Every structure is written in C-alpha cells, then in structure tokens.
Amino acid sequence: MLLATIPLLPPYCFDRLVNRLATHPDPQASLIIAEKKMYRLFRLQGQPVLIELLFCGDIEDPFIQLYCEDTISEQQKEELFAIVRHMFSADVDLRDFYQQVTGDSHLALLTRYFRGLRFLLDSDLFSSMVRTIIGQQVNLAFASTMTERLLALAGEQAMTPDGKTLWAFPTPSAIARLEVGQLREMQFSQRKAEYIIDFARAVVNEQIDLESIKKMTDDEVVAYLTPLRGIGRWSVECLLMFGLGRPDLLPAADIGLRNGIQLVYNIPDKLNEKQIRDIGEAWQPWRSYVSLYLWEAVGAVKRKEEKFIDLITNKERLLP
C-alpha cells in the first residue's frame, strides 16, 4: 500500500546515493539497485516496521514513494515521514552550497561531477552514536559486520519479500541489559563493548537526554557528550554530521577526509589536523558537505570510476 510521496529539493542524484549505499552496507536495509528500491526496517513508535522506499523522478524532479504491507497508525506514519525527510536530507538546498564553492576550482569540479549527492543520515541519535563508537579505528567492512552482530543479538528482525532478513536497531534498554562478555564474544574490544553499554545505560538512566541535543549548538553538544567514556570530539562531530545533519562540521582527524584533500588539491605531503582545519576555514558554512564530496572523490577512485579518475588526473587542463 502506498503510504506517501515525499518530494525532495533538487538536485538529487539517486545514482550517487545508490553508490554510497552499495559501499556502506547497512544490515537494516536491502537495496535493489536495478529497481531503485530499498527495503528498510524502521522503528516507529517503538515497533519495527518494514517499509519499501522507491526512488522516483530524476535529478531535477526527485521524490520517494513509501509503501508498507502492514497497517500502521497515523502516529507511526507521521514519525516515518519525519524520519525519511531527515534521513534523505530532503530539505537541504544544495544550490546554496554549489554557489559557495564556485570560487574554488577543485571543489567546483567535484560539485559538477557529483551533482545531486547529499547525506544519507542516521534515523535517530541513539543508533548514530552507537554506530560511531563501533566505527572508531576500524574499517567500514568490519564496522558493518560488528553492527550486524549487535543487531542480531539485541534487535528485532523481519523478512523482505525477496527473502532477506533485516534488523531493527536495538533500543537503548535492550543494549543496556547486555553484558560486556556478550559483545566480547562477537569480537568487540573490551573498551568498545564497555563504551557502547555505558552509553546505552546513560540514556536509559536519563543521564543523557538525546532530545535536548537537537536544540544545542555544535559546541554545546561537544561539551555535553565528551565527558562520557569513549566519546571524544571526533565521535561527537560524527554524531552532529550523520545524526543531526549539521552542515558545518569538519572531522579533521578523519583519515578519509585527509586523503580526499590530498587527492583533490594534489597535495603530496601528509596533512595534520591543524592544516586541515586551516584549509577548511574557507569552506564555511558547508564544511560537512565539502567533506562528503571529498569522501566521495576517494570512493570514486576506489570504485575505479574511469571518467572521474581521468577528470581528477587532468583537472588542470580541463578546468576553466
């Protein structure tokens, strides 16, 4: 049953979104690339609900159709619509960002090539922080594996029409009830297991109020969360960027960002955090989106996109 059609501000490139989904596996989602379709298990009013998302239109007239085979309440529909608009950055006007970087020929190259790329955000702040802690100092593939193990241990499951099992992200209470040894058995380090369970318990015990974070400035969120064990500035910046969708974060400690800057700006020497922050000063107030496009540049090289590799290799000749 069709629940709703969600319009998105153009430009919006579904192909670029699909590329990122394909290289950033999510055990809560099943992607059918040829049909521009995704199944995802959302938690609505506390209950797991399987939703089909169909990406429609084109880059200048994009929209998402939402389908559900089950009957859901009006409150669940309202929550779902808000989550989807948030996750897919439906109301971000990329034209303002593109105008901002027109004076930087290197970034202008990226915005032309990756036109319509935008963030796919986490559905809620709790899962965003847990995913961030899991992803600390491990590669994307192993982080995805550990996330899937956590979901299978403490989340609920549902089956897609094509037979794939998806998982709803565990609630704070479900993770708070776990013991460190249960996560250690799944190859979580001692400290990472402690950090995840401690964070869940802080949420359950109302030591941390995630709703209040939405009203805080970036610096206030950093000050609020960094006293917790295992949550440093990098982790909070990831939460602000991928959980809240804040547009002006610069995760200067991120290796992928450093590699992207070196690639796009043709800088041979390794950059430190201060140098990255100095370079990023000119990107305000869109540093999050510059970071995204730099990450995507690195991803395009890893995927061996020949057109982009040729473009970035010959950019001095090709750029006006």
Protein backbone atom coordinates (compact mmCIF):
# COMPACT_ATOMS: atom_id res chain seq x y z
CA MET A 1 0.00 0.00 0.00
CA LEU A 2 1.30 3.44 -0.94
CA LEU A 3 1.68 5.50 2.23
CA ALA A 4 3.03 8.75 0.85
CA THR A 5 5.10 10.53 -1.75
CA ILE A 6 7.97 12.53 -0.26
CA PRO A 7 9.25 15.34 -2.53
CA LEU A 8 12.94 16.25 -2.35
CA LEU A 9 14.61 19.55 -3.13
CA PRO A 10 16.51 19.25 -6.42
CA PRO A 11 19.11 18.48 -7.47
CA TYR A 12 19.06 14.95 -6.01
CA CYS A 13 21.07 12.16 -7.62
CA PHE A 14 19.71 8.74 -6.69
CA ASP A 15 22.52 7.02 -8.58
CA ARG A 16 25.09 8.67 -6.31
CA LEU A 17 23.04 7.71 -3.28
CA VAL A 18 22.89 4.12 -4.51
CA ASN A 19 26.66 4.08 -4.98
CA ARG A 20 27.18 5.15 -1.38
CA LEU A 21 24.64 2.64 -0.10
CA ALA A 22 26.39 -0.11 -2.05
CA THR A 23 29.76 0.73 -0.46
CA HIS A 24 28.37 1.46 3.03
CA PRO A 25 26.39 -1.73 3.81
CA ASP A 26 23.54 -1.40 6.29
CA PRO A 27 22.05 -4.53 7.89
CA GLN A 28 18.82 -2.61 8.41
CA ALA A 29 18.36 -2.17 4.65
CA SER A 30 18.15 -4.22 1.47
CA LEU A 31 18.99 -2.37 -1.74
CA ILE A 32 17.69 -3.44 -5.17
CA ILE A 33 19.80 -1.26 -7.42
CA ALA A 34 18.20 -2.09 -10.78
CA GLU A 35 14.77 -1.04 -9.47
CA LYS A 36 15.99 1.95 -7.42
CA LYS A 37 14.28 0.36 -4.47
CA MET A 38 15.20 -0.15 -0.84
CA TYR A 39 13.58 -2.09 1.96
CA ARG A 40 14.35 -0.84 5.45
CA LEU A 41 13.24 -1.85 8.91
CA PHE A 42 12.27 1.30 10.79
CA ARG A 43 11.38 1.56 14.46
CA LEU A 44 8.11 3.51 14.64
CA GLN A 45 6.52 4.28 17.98
CA GLY A 46 8.87 1.67 19.40
CA GLN A 47 7.82 -1.10 16.97
CA PRO A 48 9.81 -2.46 13.99
CA VAL A 49 8.02 -1.81 10.69
CA LEU A 50 9.22 -2.92 7.24
CA ILE A 51 8.99 -0.11 4.67
CA GLU A 52 9.64 -0.16 0.92
CA LEU A 53 11.20 3.02 -0.46
CA LEU A 54 11.08 3.63 -4.20
CA PHE A 55 13.33 6.36 -5.61
CA CYS A 56 11.42 8.13 -8.39
CA GLY A 57 11.73 11.01 -10.83
CA ASP A 58 15.05 12.39 -11.96
CA ILE A 59 17.78 14.66 -10.67
CA GLU A 60 15.65 17.79 -11.24
CA ASP A 61 12.32 16.31 -10.08
CA PRO A 62 13.15 13.78 -7.34
CA PHE A 63 10.76 12.10 -4.93
CA ILE A 64 10.47 8.97 -2.80
CA GLN A 65 7.39 6.77 -2.57
CA LEU A 66 6.82 4.86 0.65
CA TYR A 67 4.98 1.53 0.74
CA CYS A 68 4.02 -0.75 3.63
CA GLU A 69 2.18 -4.08 3.57
CA ASP A 70 1.18 -3.79 7.23
CA THR A 71 -1.39 -1.47 8.74
CA ILE A 72 0.27 1.31 10.72
CA SER A 73 -1.17 4.06 12.87
CA GLU A 74 -1.33 7.73 11.99
CA GLN A 75 1.29 8.40 14.67
CA GLN A 76 3.62 5.85 13.05
CA LYS A 77 3.04 7.41 9.63
CA GLU A 78 3.84 10.86 10.95
CA GLU A 79 7.03 9.59 12.58
CA LEU A 80 8.02 7.70 9.43
CA PHE A 81 7.59 10.76 7.20
CA ALA A 82 9.73 12.87 9.54
CA ILE A 83 12.45 10.19 9.70
CA VAL A 84 12.58 9.78 5.92
CA ARG A 85 12.77 13.52 5.28
CA HIS A 86 15.60 13.70 7.82
CA MET A 87 17.50 10.63 6.59
CA PHE A 88 17.47 11.65 2.95
CA SER A 89 18.24 15.34 3.62
CA ALA A 90 15.08 16.19 1.74
CA ASP A 91 15.08 19.90 2.57
CA VAL A 92 18.76 20.74 2.04
CA ASP A 93 19.21 23.25 -0.76
CA LEU A 94 22.41 22.16 -2.48
CA ARG A 95 22.31 25.18 -4.78
CA ASP A 96 23.49 27.36 -1.89
CA PHE A 97 26.43 25.02 -1.32
CA TYR A 98 27.32 24.91 -5.00
CA GLN A 99 27.28 28.69 -5.20
CA GLN A 100 29.54 28.86 -2.15
CA VAL A 101 32.33 26.83 -3.78
CA THR A 102 32.28 28.34 -7.28
CA GLY A 103 35.47 30.26 -6.50
CA ASP A 104 37.39 27.05 -5.70
CA SER A 105 38.06 25.28 -8.99
CA HIS A 106 38.93 21.99 -7.25
CA LEU A 107 35.66 21.84 -5.33
CA ALA A 108 33.68 23.15 -8.28
CA LEU A 109 34.93 20.13 -10.22
CA LEU A 110 33.52 17.85 -7.52
CA THR A 111 30.15 19.57 -7.35
CA ARG A 112 29.77 19.29 -11.11
CA TYR A 113 30.76 15.63 -11.26
CA PHE A 114 28.86 14.53 -8.12
CA ARG A 115 25.94 16.89 -8.65
CA GLY A 116 22.97 15.93 -6.51
CA LEU A 117 24.94 13.93 -3.95
CA ARG A 118 23.81 14.52 -0.38
CA PHE A 119 23.99 12.86 3.00
CA LEU A 120 22.06 9.76 3.97
CA LEU A 121 21.69 10.42 7.68
CA ASP A 122 21.11 8.02 10.56
CA SER A 123 17.49 7.60 11.54
CA ASP A 124 17.98 8.55 15.21
CA LEU A 125 20.66 9.85 17.55
CA PHE A 126 21.00 6.72 19.68
CA SER A 127 21.79 4.43 16.77
CA SER A 128 24.03 7.13 15.29
CA MET A 129 26.24 7.30 18.38
CA VAL A 130 26.40 3.53 18.80
CA ARG A 131 27.38 3.15 15.14
CA THR A 132 30.01 5.86 15.62
CA ILE A 133 31.53 4.09 18.62
CA ILE A 134 31.57 0.81 16.68
CA GLY A 135 33.31 2.55 13.79
CA GLN A 136 36.13 4.01 15.87
CA GLN A 137 39.50 2.88 14.48
CA VAL A 138 38.12 0.06 12.30
CA ASN A 139 37.39 -0.10 8.57
CA LEU A 140 33.88 0.20 7.13
CA ALA A 141 33.52 -3.51 6.36
CA PHE A 142 34.39 -4.67 9.87
CA ALA A 143 32.26 -1.92 11.44
CA SER A 144 29.31 -3.17 9.36
CA THR A 145 29.96 -6.74 10.49
CA MET A 146 30.07 -5.75 14.16
CA THR A 147 26.92 -3.65 13.76
CA GLU A 148 25.10 -6.59 12.22
CA ARG A 149 26.19 -8.84 15.08
CA LEU A 150 24.90 -6.33 17.63
CA LEU A 151 21.58 -6.06 15.79
CA ALA A 152 21.21 -9.84 15.65
CA LEU A 153 21.95 -10.07 19.37
CA ALA A 154 19.64 -7.35 20.65
CA GLY A 155 17.37 -6.17 17.80
CA GLU A 156 14.23 -7.49 16.15
CA GLN A 157 14.10 -8.95 12.65
CA ALA A 158 11.80 -9.00 9.64
CA MET A 159 11.92 -10.67 6.23
CA THR A 160 11.74 -8.75 2.97
CA PRO A 161 9.59 -10.02 0.06
CA ASP A 162 12.79 -11.20 -1.66
CA GLY A 163 13.79 -13.28 1.38
CA LYS A 164 16.43 -11.13 3.05
CA THR A 165 16.50 -10.76 6.83
CA LEU A 166 16.66 -7.18 8.09
CA TRP A 167 17.15 -5.94 11.63
CA ALA A 168 15.70 -3.08 13.61
CA PHE A 169 18.29 -1.23 15.64
CA PRO A 170 18.17 -2.28 19.31
CA THR A 171 16.57 0.08 21.80
CA PRO A 172 18.71 1.72 24.50
CA SER A 173 17.10 -0.61 27.05
CA ALA A 174 17.99 -3.70 25.03
CA ILE A 175 21.67 -2.72 24.80
CA ALA A 176 21.75 -1.53 28.42
CA ARG A 177 20.77 -5.06 29.50
CA LEU A 178 23.76 -6.61 27.73
CA GLU A 179 26.95 -7.66 29.46
CA VAL A 180 30.39 -6.81 28.16
CA GLY A 181 31.20 -10.51 27.72
CA GLN A 182 28.39 -10.92 25.19
CA LEU A 183 29.96 -8.30 22.94
CA ARG A 184 33.47 -9.62 23.52
CA GLU A 185 32.30 -12.94 22.09
CA MET A 186 31.45 -11.07 18.86
CA GLN A 187 34.97 -9.58 18.51
CA PHE A 188 34.22 -6.26 20.17
CA SER A 189 37.21 -4.97 22.10
CA GLN A 190 36.83 -4.74 25.86
CA ARG A 191 36.73 -0.96 25.81
CA LYS A 192 34.41 -0.67 22.81
CA ALA A 193 31.95 -3.06 24.46
CA GLU A 194 32.10 -1.03 27.66
CA TYR A 195 31.62 2.27 25.84
CA ILE A 196 28.53 1.06 23.96
CA ILE A 197 26.85 -0.42 27.02
CA ASP A 198 27.79 2.58 29.18
CA PHE A 199 26.27 4.95 26.62
CA ALA A 200 23.04 2.93 26.45
CA ARG A 201 22.78 2.89 30.22
CA ALA A 202 23.40 6.65 30.38
CA VAL A 203 20.45 7.14 28.00
CA VAL A 204 18.20 4.74 29.92
CA ASN A 205 19.12 6.33 33.27
CA GLU A 206 18.43 9.79 31.77
CA GLN A 207 21.99 10.90 32.40
CA ILE A 208 21.92 11.77 28.69
CA ASP A 209 18.87 13.38 27.09
CA LEU A 210 19.20 12.87 23.35
CA GLU A 211 16.18 15.04 22.52
CA SER A 212 17.78 18.04 24.23
CA ILE A 213 20.82 17.71 21.98
CA LYS A 214 18.75 18.77 18.96
CA LYS A 215 18.39 22.26 20.45
CA MET A 216 22.09 22.69 21.33
CA THR A 217 24.81 24.39 19.32
CA ASP A 218 27.62 22.23 17.98
CA ASP A 219 29.99 23.33 20.75
CA GLU A 220 27.34 22.68 23.40
CA VAL A 221 26.86 19.13 22.12
CA VAL A 222 30.63 18.54 22.26
CA ALA A 223 30.75 19.78 25.85
CA TYR A 224 27.69 17.71 26.79
CA LEU A 225 28.86 14.36 25.43
CA THR A 226 32.65 14.26 25.67
CA PRO A 227 32.68 13.65 29.46
CA LEU A 228 31.33 10.16 28.66
CA ARG A 229 33.93 7.41 28.35
CA GLY A 230 34.79 6.54 24.78
CA ILE A 231 33.23 9.65 23.25
CA GLY A 232 35.76 12.19 22.03
CA ARG A 233 35.49 15.16 19.72
CA TRP A 234 35.66 13.00 16.55
CA SER A 235 32.74 10.89 17.77
CA VAL A 236 30.61 13.93 18.57
CA GLU A 237 31.43 15.50 15.20
CA CYS A 238 30.23 12.31 13.52
CA LEU A 239 27.01 12.46 15.54
CA LEU A 240 26.47 16.08 14.58
CA MET A 241 27.13 15.31 10.93
CA PHE A 242 25.47 11.91 10.42
CA GLY A 243 22.90 12.02 13.20
CA LEU A 244 21.75 15.63 13.20
CA GLY A 245 22.73 16.62 9.68
CA ARG A 246 24.55 19.76 10.79
CA PRO A 247 26.08 21.35 7.65
CA ASP A 248 29.29 22.88 9.01
CA LEU A 249 31.32 20.12 10.68
CA LEU A 250 34.93 19.36 9.80
CA PRO A 251 36.13 15.99 11.20
CA ALA A 252 39.80 16.94 10.80
CA ALA A 253 41.03 13.70 12.41
CA ASP A 254 39.35 11.57 9.73
CA ILE A 255 41.82 9.75 7.50
CA GLY A 256 39.40 9.61 4.58
CA LEU A 257 38.97 13.38 4.65
CA ARG A 258 42.72 13.89 4.71
CA ASN A 259 43.10 11.53 1.74
CA GLY A 260 40.37 13.38 -0.13
CA ILE A 261 42.02 16.75 0.37
CA GLN A 262 45.38 15.40 -0.79
CA LEU A 263 43.76 13.81 -3.84
CA VAL A 264 41.65 16.75 -4.96
CA TYR A 265 44.14 19.51 -4.16
CA ASN A 266 47.13 17.42 -5.31
CA ILE A 267 49.00 17.81 -2.00
CA PRO A 268 51.81 15.23 -1.74
CA ASP A 269 52.64 15.67 1.94
CA LYS A 270 50.65 14.20 4.83
CA LEU A 271 48.42 16.81 6.46
CA ASN A 272 47.92 17.24 10.19
CA GLU A 273 44.65 18.26 11.85
CA LYS A 274 45.60 21.91 12.14
CA GLN A 275 46.44 22.12 8.44
CA ILE A 276 43.11 20.50 7.57
CA ARG A 277 41.21 22.95 9.79
CA ASP A 278 43.11 25.85 8.25
CA ILE A 279 42.22 24.68 4.72
CA GLY A 280 38.63 24.13 5.79
CA GLU A 281 38.14 27.69 7.03
CA ALA A 282 37.23 28.76 3.50
CA TRP A 283 34.51 26.09 3.29
CA GLN A 284 32.25 27.55 5.97
CA PRO A 285 29.28 27.21 6.38
CA TRP A 286 29.28 23.99 4.29
CA ARG A 287 32.23 22.06 5.70
CA SER A 288 30.15 18.91 6.23
CA TYR A 289 29.17 18.86 2.57
CA VAL A 290 32.69 19.58 1.35
CA SER A 291 33.79 16.63 3.49
CA LEU A 292 31.11 14.44 1.90
CA TYR A 293 32.21 15.34 -1.62
CA LEU A 294 35.86 14.74 -0.74
CA TRP A 295 34.98 11.32 0.68
CA GLU A 296 33.05 10.56 -2.46
CA ALA A 297 36.08 11.52 -4.56
CA VAL A 298 38.14 8.92 -2.69
CA GLY A 299 35.30 6.42 -3.12
CA ALA A 300 35.10 7.06 -6.87
CA VAL A 301 38.81 6.28 -7.20
CA LYS A 302 38.41 3.09 -5.14
CA ARG A 303 35.48 2.07 -7.35
CA LYS A 304 37.69 2.74 -10.38
CA GLU A 305 35.33 5.25 -11.96
CA GLU A 306 37.46 5.89 -15.03
CA LYS A 307 35.72 9.10 -16.02
CA PHE A 308 36.36 10.64 -12.62
CA ILE A 309 39.95 9.36 -12.44
CA ASP A 310 40.65 10.93 -15.83
CA LEU A 311 38.98 14.15 -14.73
CA ILE A 312 40.91 14.42 -11.47
CA THR A 313 44.17 13.45 -13.15
CA ASN A 314 43.78 16.08 -15.87
CA LYS A 315 41.90 18.72 -13.93
CA GLU A 316 44.50 21.43 -14.52
CA ARG A 317 43.92 21.00 -18.24
CA LEU A 318 40.15 20.56 -18.09
CA LEU A 319 39.13 23.23 -15.61
CA PRO A 320 38.47 26.75 -16.93
